[in-house]
Amino acid sequence: MSNGKLTISKPQIVELDEIKLAGRSCSTTMEQKDVKIPNMVEAFHVGDIQNISNRINAPSSYGMYIDPPNWDPDKDEFTWVAAVEVSSLEELPLGLEGKVIPAGRYASLRYNPVEHKELEPYSYLYRWIKESGYEQVGDFGFEYYEPFAGVNTEYTLYFPIK
């Protein structure tokens, strides 16, 4: 805090290598997300995660959203994936699926939901991308946790850009 005002770090532009993920997903609407996603994420972290033998970079984990084409946030469902990084997408445990975060350029924002609860990080980063002359590309984005410790976990939000 400075002068009684809460500050957040400036978003960064980063280049990422391809990341392979193994995880569990659910489909939800914006209206239902605050119930469905935490329940699925908890089930993944309490149960599924122990069955992933080729996990790398523990204890970090990911939360990834995937929007359908022409997604309308007022009515359409989107997919949320709770996942961890793996060395290979072969032989995943039953019930889990593989996803790939493609190599490329990303805008990133470090976010602490306890310190910055008045800020909506997705809108903030999206607006910063547009105001900075970049364009968001793709139908996904992700949160990176080091490690995930519940809904108040600090994370870095990434959106692919060009």
N, C-alpha and C. Protein backbone atom coordinates (compact mmCIF):
# COMPACT_ATOMS: atom_id res chain seq x y z
N MET A 1 0.84 -1.19 0.00
CA MET A 1 0.00 0.00 0.00
C MET A 1 0.88 1.24 0.00
N SER A 2 0.42 2.25 -0.70
CA SER A 2 1.11 3.53 -0.66
C SER A 2 0.06 4.62 -0.63
N ASN A 3 0.23 5.59 0.27
CA ASN A 3 -0.73 6.68 0.42
C ASN A 3 -2.16 6.17 0.64
N GLY A 4 -2.30 5.04 1.32
CA GLY A 4 -3.62 4.50 1.58
C GLY A 4 -4.27 3.85 0.38
N LYS A 5 -3.57 3.80 -0.75
CA LYS A 5 -4.13 3.19 -1.96
C LYS A 5 -3.44 1.85 -2.21
N LEU A 6 -4.22 0.88 -2.59
CA LEU A 6 -3.68 -0.43 -2.91
C LEU A 6 -3.11 -0.41 -4.32
N THR A 7 -1.93 -0.95 -4.48
CA THR A 7 -1.32 -0.99 -5.80
C THR A 7 -1.12 -2.44 -6.22
N ILE A 8 -1.10 -2.64 -7.51
CA ILE A 8 -0.85 -3.97 -8.07
C ILE A 8 0.30 -3.81 -9.06
N SER A 9 1.10 -4.85 -9.18
CA SER A 9 2.24 -4.76 -10.08
C SER A 9 1.77 -4.63 -11.53
N LYS A 10 2.59 -3.99 -12.33
CA LYS A 10 2.29 -3.81 -13.75
C LYS A 10 2.37 -5.16 -14.46
N PRO A 11 1.45 -5.43 -15.37
CA PRO A 11 1.54 -6.66 -16.15
C PRO A 11 2.86 -6.74 -16.92
N GLN A 12 3.29 -7.95 -17.20
CA GLN A 12 4.54 -8.21 -17.91
C GLN A 12 4.24 -8.97 -19.21
N ILE A 13 5.13 -8.83 -20.18
CA ILE A 13 5.08 -9.62 -21.41
C ILE A 13 6.17 -10.68 -21.29
N VAL A 14 5.78 -11.95 -21.46
CA VAL A 14 6.73 -13.06 -21.32
C VAL A 14 6.61 -14.02 -22.49
N GLU A 15 7.69 -14.71 -22.78
CA GLU A 15 7.70 -15.78 -23.78
C GLU A 15 7.72 -17.10 -23.03
N LEU A 16 6.78 -17.99 -23.34
CA LEU A 16 6.71 -19.28 -22.67
C LEU A 16 6.96 -20.42 -23.64
N ASP A 17 7.60 -21.47 -23.15
CA ASP A 17 7.73 -22.71 -23.89
C ASP A 17 6.42 -23.48 -23.76
N GLU A 18 6.23 -24.48 -24.61
CA GLU A 18 5.05 -25.33 -24.52
C GLU A 18 4.99 -26.00 -23.15
N ILE A 19 3.78 -26.10 -22.60
CA ILE A 19 3.56 -26.73 -21.30
C ILE A 19 2.49 -27.81 -21.48
N LYS A 20 2.83 -29.04 -21.10
CA LYS A 20 1.87 -30.15 -21.15
C LYS A 20 1.21 -30.29 -19.78
N LEU A 21 -0.11 -30.41 -19.79
CA LEU A 21 -0.87 -30.50 -18.55
C LEU A 21 -1.72 -31.76 -18.51
N ALA A 22 -1.89 -32.30 -17.31
CA ALA A 22 -2.84 -33.37 -17.06
C ALA A 22 -3.78 -32.87 -15.99
N GLY A 23 -5.09 -33.02 -16.25
CA GLY A 23 -6.02 -32.50 -15.26
C GLY A 23 -7.44 -32.98 -15.45
N ARG A 24 -8.30 -32.39 -14.65
CA ARG A 24 -9.73 -32.69 -14.68
C ARG A 24 -10.45 -31.40 -15.09
N SER A 25 -11.54 -31.55 -15.84
CA SER A 25 -12.26 -30.36 -16.31
C SER A 25 -13.73 -30.41 -15.94
N CYS A 26 -14.34 -29.24 -15.98
CA CYS A 26 -15.79 -29.14 -15.84
C CYS A 26 -16.26 -28.01 -16.74
N SER A 27 -17.50 -28.11 -17.18
CA SER A 27 -18.13 -27.03 -17.95
C SER A 27 -19.05 -26.28 -17.02
N THR A 28 -19.05 -24.95 -17.15
CA THR A 28 -19.87 -24.13 -16.27
C THR A 28 -20.18 -22.80 -16.94
N THR A 29 -21.11 -22.09 -16.36
CA THR A 29 -21.43 -20.73 -16.79
C THR A 29 -20.79 -19.75 -15.81
N MET A 30 -20.75 -18.49 -16.18
CA MET A 30 -20.23 -17.47 -15.27
C MET A 30 -21.07 -17.43 -13.99
N GLU A 31 -22.36 -17.67 -14.13
CA GLU A 31 -23.26 -17.64 -12.97
C GLU A 31 -22.97 -18.77 -11.99
N GLN A 32 -22.57 -19.95 -12.49
CA GLN A 32 -22.36 -21.13 -11.64
C GLN A 32 -20.90 -21.37 -11.28
N LYS A 33 -19.98 -20.62 -11.87
CA LYS A 33 -18.55 -20.92 -11.73
C LYS A 33 -18.04 -20.90 -10.30
N ASP A 34 -18.57 -20.03 -9.46
CA ASP A 34 -18.06 -19.91 -8.09
C ASP A 34 -18.42 -21.09 -7.21
N VAL A 35 -19.29 -21.97 -7.67
CA VAL A 35 -19.61 -23.20 -6.96
C VAL A 35 -18.97 -24.40 -7.66
N LYS A 36 -19.19 -24.52 -8.96
CA LYS A 36 -18.72 -25.70 -9.69
C LYS A 36 -17.20 -25.81 -9.74
N ILE A 37 -16.52 -24.70 -10.04
CA ILE A 37 -15.06 -24.76 -10.19
C ILE A 37 -14.37 -25.11 -8.87
N PRO A 38 -14.65 -24.43 -7.75
CA PRO A 38 -13.96 -24.81 -6.51
C PRO A 38 -14.20 -26.26 -6.10
N ASN A 39 -15.40 -26.79 -6.31
CA ASN A 39 -15.67 -28.19 -5.98
C ASN A 39 -14.83 -29.14 -6.81
N MET A 40 -14.75 -28.88 -8.12
CA MET A 40 -13.95 -29.73 -9.00
C MET A 40 -12.47 -29.60 -8.68
N VAL A 41 -12.00 -28.38 -8.45
CA VAL A 41 -10.59 -28.14 -8.16
C VAL A 41 -10.18 -28.85 -6.87
N GLU A 42 -11.03 -28.78 -5.85
CA GLU A 42 -10.72 -29.46 -4.60
C GLU A 42 -10.64 -30.97 -4.81
N ALA A 43 -11.58 -31.54 -5.56
CA ALA A 43 -11.55 -32.98 -5.84
C ALA A 43 -10.26 -33.36 -6.57
N PHE A 44 -9.83 -32.52 -7.50
CA PHE A 44 -8.59 -32.79 -8.23
C PHE A 44 -7.39 -32.77 -7.30
N HIS A 45 -7.28 -31.73 -6.48
CA HIS A 45 -6.11 -31.58 -5.62
C HIS A 45 -6.09 -32.58 -4.46
N VAL A 46 -7.25 -33.01 -4.00
CA VAL A 46 -7.31 -33.97 -2.89
C VAL A 46 -7.15 -35.40 -3.39
N GLY A 47 -7.68 -35.71 -4.57
CA GLY A 47 -7.66 -37.09 -5.04
C GLY A 47 -6.82 -37.36 -6.26
N ASP A 48 -7.18 -36.75 -7.39
CA ASP A 48 -6.56 -37.09 -8.68
C ASP A 48 -5.06 -36.84 -8.74
N ILE A 49 -4.61 -35.80 -8.11
CA ILE A 49 -3.23 -35.36 -8.27
C ILE A 49 -2.23 -36.44 -7.84
N GLN A 50 -2.59 -37.25 -6.85
CA GLN A 50 -1.70 -38.31 -6.36
C GLN A 50 -1.51 -39.43 -7.38
N ASN A 51 -2.40 -39.53 -8.35
CA ASN A 51 -2.33 -40.61 -9.34
C ASN A 51 -1.53 -40.24 -10.58
N ILE A 52 -0.98 -39.05 -10.63
CA ILE A 52 -0.24 -38.59 -11.81
C ILE A 52 1.24 -38.87 -11.57
N SER A 53 1.73 -39.94 -12.18
CA SER A 53 3.11 -40.39 -11.90
C SER A 53 4.17 -39.59 -12.65
N ASN A 54 3.80 -38.94 -13.74
CA ASN A 54 4.81 -38.20 -14.52
C ASN A 54 4.72 -36.69 -14.31
N ARG A 55 4.24 -36.29 -13.14
CA ARG A 55 4.15 -34.86 -12.81
C ARG A 55 5.55 -34.26 -12.70
N ILE A 56 5.69 -33.04 -13.20
CA ILE A 56 6.95 -32.31 -13.07
C ILE A 56 6.67 -30.93 -12.48
N ASN A 57 7.71 -30.31 -11.97
CA ASN A 57 7.63 -28.96 -11.40
C ASN A 57 6.65 -28.84 -10.23
N ALA A 58 6.52 -29.94 -9.45
CA ALA A 58 5.69 -29.86 -8.24
C ALA A 58 6.36 -28.87 -7.28
N PRO A 59 5.62 -28.14 -6.50
CA PRO A 59 4.18 -28.25 -6.23
C PRO A 59 3.32 -27.30 -7.07
N SER A 60 3.86 -26.72 -8.14
CA SER A 60 3.06 -25.78 -8.94
C SER A 60 1.89 -26.49 -9.61
N SER A 61 0.84 -25.71 -9.92
CA SER A 61 -0.32 -26.25 -10.62
C SER A 61 -0.97 -25.13 -11.43
N TYR A 62 -2.00 -25.50 -12.20
CA TYR A 62 -2.62 -24.59 -13.15
C TYR A 62 -4.14 -24.65 -13.06
N GLY A 63 -4.77 -23.54 -13.41
CA GLY A 63 -6.19 -23.46 -13.65
C GLY A 63 -6.34 -22.83 -15.02
N MET A 64 -6.97 -23.52 -15.95
CA MET A 64 -7.04 -23.05 -17.34
C MET A 64 -8.50 -22.93 -17.77
N TYR A 65 -8.84 -21.80 -18.39
CA TYR A 65 -10.18 -21.68 -18.96
C TYR A 65 -10.09 -21.83 -20.47
N ILE A 66 -11.12 -22.41 -21.05
CA ILE A 66 -11.22 -22.55 -22.51
C ILE A 66 -12.63 -22.12 -22.90
N ASP A 67 -12.71 -21.10 -23.73
CA ASP A 67 -14.00 -20.58 -24.18
C ASP A 67 -14.36 -21.20 -25.53
N PRO A 68 -15.66 -21.47 -25.76
CA PRO A 68 -16.07 -21.92 -27.09
C PRO A 68 -16.01 -20.74 -28.07
N PRO A 69 -16.04 -21.00 -29.38
CA PRO A 69 -16.04 -19.91 -30.36
C PRO A 69 -17.23 -18.97 -30.10
N ASN A 70 -17.00 -17.69 -30.27
CA ASN A 70 -18.04 -16.66 -30.10
C ASN A 70 -18.72 -16.73 -28.74
N TRP A 71 -17.94 -17.01 -27.72
CA TRP A 71 -18.45 -17.18 -26.36
C TRP A 71 -19.19 -15.94 -25.87
N ASP A 72 -20.38 -16.15 -25.33
CA ASP A 72 -21.18 -15.08 -24.73
C ASP A 72 -21.20 -15.33 -23.22
N PRO A 73 -20.49 -14.50 -22.43
CA PRO A 73 -20.40 -14.75 -21.00
C PRO A 73 -21.74 -14.69 -20.26
N ASP A 74 -22.74 -14.09 -20.85
CA ASP A 74 -24.05 -14.00 -20.19
C ASP A 74 -24.85 -15.29 -20.27
N LYS A 75 -24.51 -16.18 -21.23
CA LYS A 75 -25.33 -17.39 -21.36
C LYS A 75 -24.56 -18.66 -21.69
N ASP A 76 -23.38 -18.56 -22.28
CA ASP A 76 -22.66 -19.76 -22.73
C ASP A 76 -21.78 -20.36 -21.64
N GLU A 77 -21.63 -21.68 -21.71
CA GLU A 77 -20.71 -22.37 -20.82
C GLU A 77 -19.28 -22.23 -21.34
N PHE A 78 -18.33 -22.37 -20.44
CA PHE A 78 -16.92 -22.46 -20.79
C PHE A 78 -16.35 -23.63 -20.00
N THR A 79 -15.14 -24.03 -20.32
CA THR A 79 -14.50 -25.15 -19.64
C THR A 79 -13.41 -24.64 -18.72
N TRP A 80 -13.34 -25.21 -17.53
CA TRP A 80 -12.26 -24.92 -16.58
C TRP A 80 -11.51 -26.22 -16.34
N VAL A 81 -10.18 -26.16 -16.40
CA VAL A 81 -9.34 -27.34 -16.19
C VAL A 81 -8.42 -27.07 -15.00
N ALA A 82 -8.46 -27.95 -14.01
CA ALA A 82 -7.50 -27.94 -12.90
C ALA A 82 -6.43 -28.94 -13.30
N ALA A 83 -5.15 -28.53 -13.30
CA ALA A 83 -4.12 -29.39 -13.88
C ALA A 83 -2.76 -29.18 -13.24
N VAL A 84 -1.88 -30.12 -13.54
CA VAL A 84 -0.47 -30.01 -13.18
C VAL A 84 0.36 -30.29 -14.42
N GLU A 85 1.60 -29.82 -14.40
CA GLU A 85 2.49 -30.04 -15.54
C GLU A 85 3.00 -31.47 -15.52
N VAL A 86 3.06 -32.07 -16.71
CA VAL A 86 3.55 -33.45 -16.85
C VAL A 86 4.61 -33.51 -17.95
N SER A 87 5.41 -34.57 -17.90
CA SER A 87 6.46 -34.75 -18.89
C SER A 87 5.92 -35.28 -20.21
N SER A 88 4.75 -35.94 -20.16
CA SER A 88 4.17 -36.54 -21.36
C SER A 88 2.66 -36.64 -21.18
N LEU A 89 1.93 -36.63 -22.30
CA LEU A 89 0.48 -36.79 -22.24
C LEU A 89 0.05 -38.23 -22.45
N GLU A 90 1.01 -39.13 -22.52
CA GLU A 90 0.70 -40.55 -22.69
C GLU A 90 0.38 -41.19 -21.34
N GLU A 91 -0.52 -42.15 -21.35
CA GLU A 91 -0.88 -42.94 -20.17
C GLU A 91 -1.33 -42.08 -18.99
N LEU A 92 -2.30 -41.23 -19.25
CA LEU A 92 -2.87 -40.43 -18.16
C LEU A 92 -3.81 -41.29 -17.33
N PRO A 93 -3.92 -41.01 -16.04
CA PRO A 93 -4.86 -41.76 -15.20
C PRO A 93 -6.30 -41.63 -15.71
N LEU A 94 -7.09 -42.65 -15.46
CA LEU A 94 -8.49 -42.68 -15.87
C LEU A 94 -9.23 -41.45 -15.32
N GLY A 95 -9.99 -40.80 -16.18
CA GLY A 95 -10.77 -39.63 -15.77
C GLY A 95 -10.06 -38.31 -15.96
N LEU A 96 -8.77 -38.36 -16.28
CA LEU A 96 -8.02 -37.12 -16.50
C LEU A 96 -7.78 -36.91 -17.99
N GLU A 97 -7.56 -35.68 -18.37
CA GLU A 97 -7.33 -35.36 -19.77
C GLU A 97 -6.07 -34.53 -19.93
N GLY A 98 -5.51 -34.58 -21.11
CA GLY A 98 -4.32 -33.80 -21.40
C GLY A 98 -4.66 -32.52 -22.14
N LYS A 99 -3.94 -31.47 -21.82
CA LYS A 99 -4.07 -30.18 -22.49
C LYS A 99 -2.67 -29.66 -22.75
N VAL A 100 -2.54 -28.80 -23.77
CA VAL A 100 -1.25 -28.20 -24.08
C VAL A 100 -1.41 -26.68 -24.10
N ILE A 101 -0.56 -26.01 -23.35
CA ILE A 101 -0.46 -24.56 -23.44
C ILE A 101 0.63 -24.30 -24.48
N PRO A 102 0.27 -23.70 -25.61
CA PRO A 102 1.26 -23.54 -26.68
C PRO A 102 2.36 -22.54 -26.33
N ALA A 103 3.53 -22.79 -26.89
CA ALA A 103 4.63 -21.84 -26.75
C ALA A 103 4.20 -20.52 -27.38
N GLY A 104 4.66 -19.43 -26.84
CA GLY A 104 4.33 -18.14 -27.43
C GLY A 104 4.47 -17.00 -26.46
N ARG A 105 3.93 -15.86 -26.87
CA ARG A 105 4.00 -14.62 -26.09
C ARG A 105 2.71 -14.48 -25.27
N TYR A 106 2.90 -14.11 -24.01
CA TYR A 106 1.78 -13.98 -23.08
C TYR A 106 1.90 -12.69 -22.27
N ALA A 107 0.76 -12.09 -21.98
CA ALA A 107 0.69 -11.02 -20.99
C ALA A 107 0.42 -11.70 -19.66
N SER A 108 1.14 -11.28 -18.61
CA SER A 108 0.97 -11.91 -17.31
C SER A 108 0.75 -10.86 -16.23
N LEU A 109 0.01 -11.26 -15.21
CA LEU A 109 -0.30 -10.38 -14.09
C LEU A 109 -0.27 -11.19 -12.81
N ARG A 110 0.55 -10.78 -11.85
CA ARG A 110 0.59 -11.42 -10.54
C ARG A 110 -0.57 -10.86 -9.73
N TYR A 111 -1.37 -11.77 -9.12
CA TYR A 111 -2.59 -11.36 -8.43
C TYR A 111 -2.72 -12.05 -7.09
N ASN A 112 -3.00 -11.27 -6.06
CA ASN A 112 -3.25 -11.81 -4.72
C ASN A 112 -4.70 -11.51 -4.37
N PRO A 113 -5.57 -12.54 -4.31
CA PRO A 113 -6.99 -12.29 -4.08
C PRO A 113 -7.31 -11.73 -2.70
N VAL A 114 -6.40 -11.87 -1.75
CA VAL A 114 -6.64 -11.29 -0.42
C VAL A 114 -6.30 -9.80 -0.44
N GLU A 115 -5.14 -9.45 -0.97
CA GLU A 115 -4.70 -8.05 -1.00
C GLU A 115 -5.44 -7.22 -2.04
N HIS A 116 -5.85 -7.85 -3.13
CA HIS A 116 -6.45 -7.11 -4.26
C HIS A 116 -7.90 -7.53 -4.51
N LYS A 117 -8.65 -7.80 -3.45
CA LYS A 117 -10.00 -8.33 -3.64
C LYS A 117 -10.94 -7.37 -4.36
N GLU A 118 -10.62 -6.09 -4.39
CA GLU A 118 -11.47 -5.12 -5.10
C GLU A 118 -11.19 -5.10 -6.61
N LEU A 119 -10.14 -5.77 -7.03
CA LEU A 119 -9.73 -5.77 -8.44
C LEU A 119 -10.16 -7.07 -9.12
N GLU A 120 -10.72 -6.98 -10.31
CA GLU A 120 -11.05 -8.17 -11.10
C GLU A 120 -9.89 -8.37 -12.07
N PRO A 121 -9.01 -9.36 -11.82
CA PRO A 121 -7.77 -9.48 -12.60
C PRO A 121 -7.97 -9.76 -14.08
N TYR A 122 -9.00 -10.51 -14.44
CA TYR A 122 -9.22 -10.83 -15.85
C TYR A 122 -9.54 -9.55 -16.63
N SER A 123 -10.46 -8.75 -16.13
CA SER A 123 -10.81 -7.49 -16.80
C SER A 123 -9.62 -6.53 -16.83
N TYR A 124 -8.89 -6.47 -15.73
CA TYR A 124 -7.73 -5.58 -15.63
C TYR A 124 -6.68 -5.93 -16.68
N LEU A 125 -6.33 -7.23 -16.79
CA LEU A 125 -5.31 -7.64 -17.75
C LEU A 125 -5.81 -7.48 -19.18
N TYR A 126 -7.06 -7.82 -19.43
CA TYR A 126 -7.62 -7.65 -20.77
C TYR A 126 -7.55 -6.18 -21.21
N ARG A 127 -7.94 -5.28 -20.32
CA ARG A 127 -7.91 -3.84 -20.62
C ARG A 127 -6.47 -3.37 -20.85
N TRP A 128 -5.54 -3.84 -20.02
CA TRP A 128 -4.13 -3.45 -20.16
C TRP A 128 -3.58 -3.90 -21.52
N ILE A 129 -3.94 -5.11 -21.95
CA ILE A 129 -3.49 -5.62 -23.25
C ILE A 129 -3.93 -4.67 -24.37
N LYS A 130 -5.21 -4.31 -24.37
CA LYS A 130 -5.74 -3.41 -25.41
C LYS A 130 -5.08 -2.04 -25.35
N GLU A 131 -4.95 -1.49 -24.15
CA GLU A 131 -4.37 -0.15 -23.99
C GLU A 131 -2.89 -0.11 -24.32
N SER A 132 -2.22 -1.26 -24.28
CA SER A 132 -0.78 -1.33 -24.55
C SER A 132 -0.46 -1.68 -25.99
N GLY A 133 -1.49 -1.79 -26.84
CA GLY A 133 -1.27 -2.04 -28.26
C GLY A 133 -1.11 -3.49 -28.64
N TYR A 134 -1.44 -4.39 -27.73
CA TYR A 134 -1.39 -5.82 -28.04
C TYR A 134 -2.80 -6.31 -28.34
N GLU A 135 -2.87 -7.55 -28.81
CA GLU A 135 -4.17 -8.17 -29.08
C GLU A 135 -4.19 -9.54 -28.43
N GLN A 136 -5.27 -9.81 -27.68
CA GLN A 136 -5.42 -11.13 -27.08
C GLN A 136 -5.80 -12.11 -28.19
N VAL A 137 -5.15 -13.27 -28.20
CA VAL A 137 -5.42 -14.28 -29.22
C VAL A 137 -5.79 -15.60 -28.54
N GLY A 138 -6.44 -16.46 -29.28
CA GLY A 138 -6.81 -17.76 -28.73
C GLY A 138 -8.07 -17.68 -27.90
N ASP A 139 -8.51 -18.83 -27.46
CA ASP A 139 -9.76 -18.95 -26.71
C ASP A 139 -9.51 -19.45 -25.29
N PHE A 140 -8.32 -19.16 -24.75
CA PHE A 140 -7.96 -19.68 -23.44
C PHE A 140 -7.07 -18.70 -22.69
N GLY A 141 -6.90 -18.98 -21.44
CA GLY A 141 -5.97 -18.29 -20.57
C GLY A 141 -5.74 -19.20 -19.39
N PHE A 142 -4.80 -18.85 -18.52
CA PHE A 142 -4.58 -19.74 -17.38
C PHE A 142 -4.01 -19.00 -16.18
N GLU A 143 -4.23 -19.63 -15.02
CA GLU A 143 -3.69 -19.18 -13.76
C GLU A 143 -2.60 -20.17 -13.36
N TYR A 144 -1.48 -19.65 -12.85
CA TYR A 144 -0.35 -20.48 -12.41
C TYR A 144 -0.17 -20.28 -10.91
N TYR A 145 -0.22 -21.40 -10.17
CA TYR A 145 -0.12 -21.37 -8.71
C TYR A 145 1.18 -22.01 -8.25
N GLU A 146 1.78 -21.45 -7.19
CA GLU A 146 3.04 -22.00 -6.66
C GLU A 146 3.00 -22.14 -5.15
N PRO A 147 2.39 -23.07 -4.53
CA PRO A 147 1.41 -24.05 -5.01
C PRO A 147 -0.01 -23.54 -4.79
N PHE A 148 -0.97 -24.34 -5.23
CA PHE A 148 -2.38 -24.03 -4.99
C PHE A 148 -2.70 -24.36 -3.53
N ALA A 149 -3.36 -23.42 -2.84
CA ALA A 149 -3.68 -23.64 -1.43
C ALA A 149 -5.11 -23.19 -1.11
N GLY A 150 -5.99 -23.26 -2.09
CA GLY A 150 -7.38 -22.86 -1.88
C GLY A 150 -7.73 -21.59 -2.64
N VAL A 151 -8.96 -21.13 -2.45
CA VAL A 151 -9.48 -20.02 -3.25
C VAL A 151 -8.73 -18.71 -3.05
N ASN A 152 -8.02 -18.55 -1.96
CA ASN A 152 -7.28 -17.31 -1.72
C ASN A 152 -5.82 -17.40 -2.11
N THR A 153 -5.46 -18.39 -2.93
CA THR A 153 -4.08 -18.56 -3.37
C THR A 153 -3.67 -17.45 -4.33
N GLU A 154 -2.49 -16.88 -4.11
CA GLU A 154 -1.91 -15.92 -5.04
C GLU A 154 -1.55 -16.66 -6.32
N TYR A 155 -1.72 -16.01 -7.47
CA TYR A 155 -1.41 -16.66 -8.74
C TYR A 155 -0.96 -15.65 -9.78
N THR A 156 -0.41 -16.18 -10.87
CA THR A 156 -0.09 -15.35 -12.03
C THR A 156 -1.07 -15.73 -13.14
N LEU A 157 -1.74 -14.72 -13.69
CA LEU A 157 -2.71 -14.89 -14.77
C LEU A 157 -2.01 -14.65 -16.09
N TYR A 158 -2.25 -15.53 -17.08
CA TYR A 158 -1.63 -15.41 -18.40
C TYR A 158 -2.69 -15.42 -19.48
N PHE A 159 -2.57 -14.48 -20.44
CA PHE A 159 -3.39 -14.46 -21.65
C PHE A 159 -2.44 -14.47 -22.85
N PRO A 160 -2.71 -15.31 -23.86
CA PRO A 160 -1.87 -15.29 -25.07
C PRO A 160 -2.12 -14.00 -25.86
N ILE A 161 -1.05 -13.44 -26.41
CA ILE A 161 -1.17 -12.17 -27.14
C ILE A 161 -0.33 -12.18 -28.42
N LYS A 162 -0.60 -11.18 -29.25
CA LYS A 162 0.29 -10.90 -30.39
C LYS A 162 0.45 -9.41 -30.52
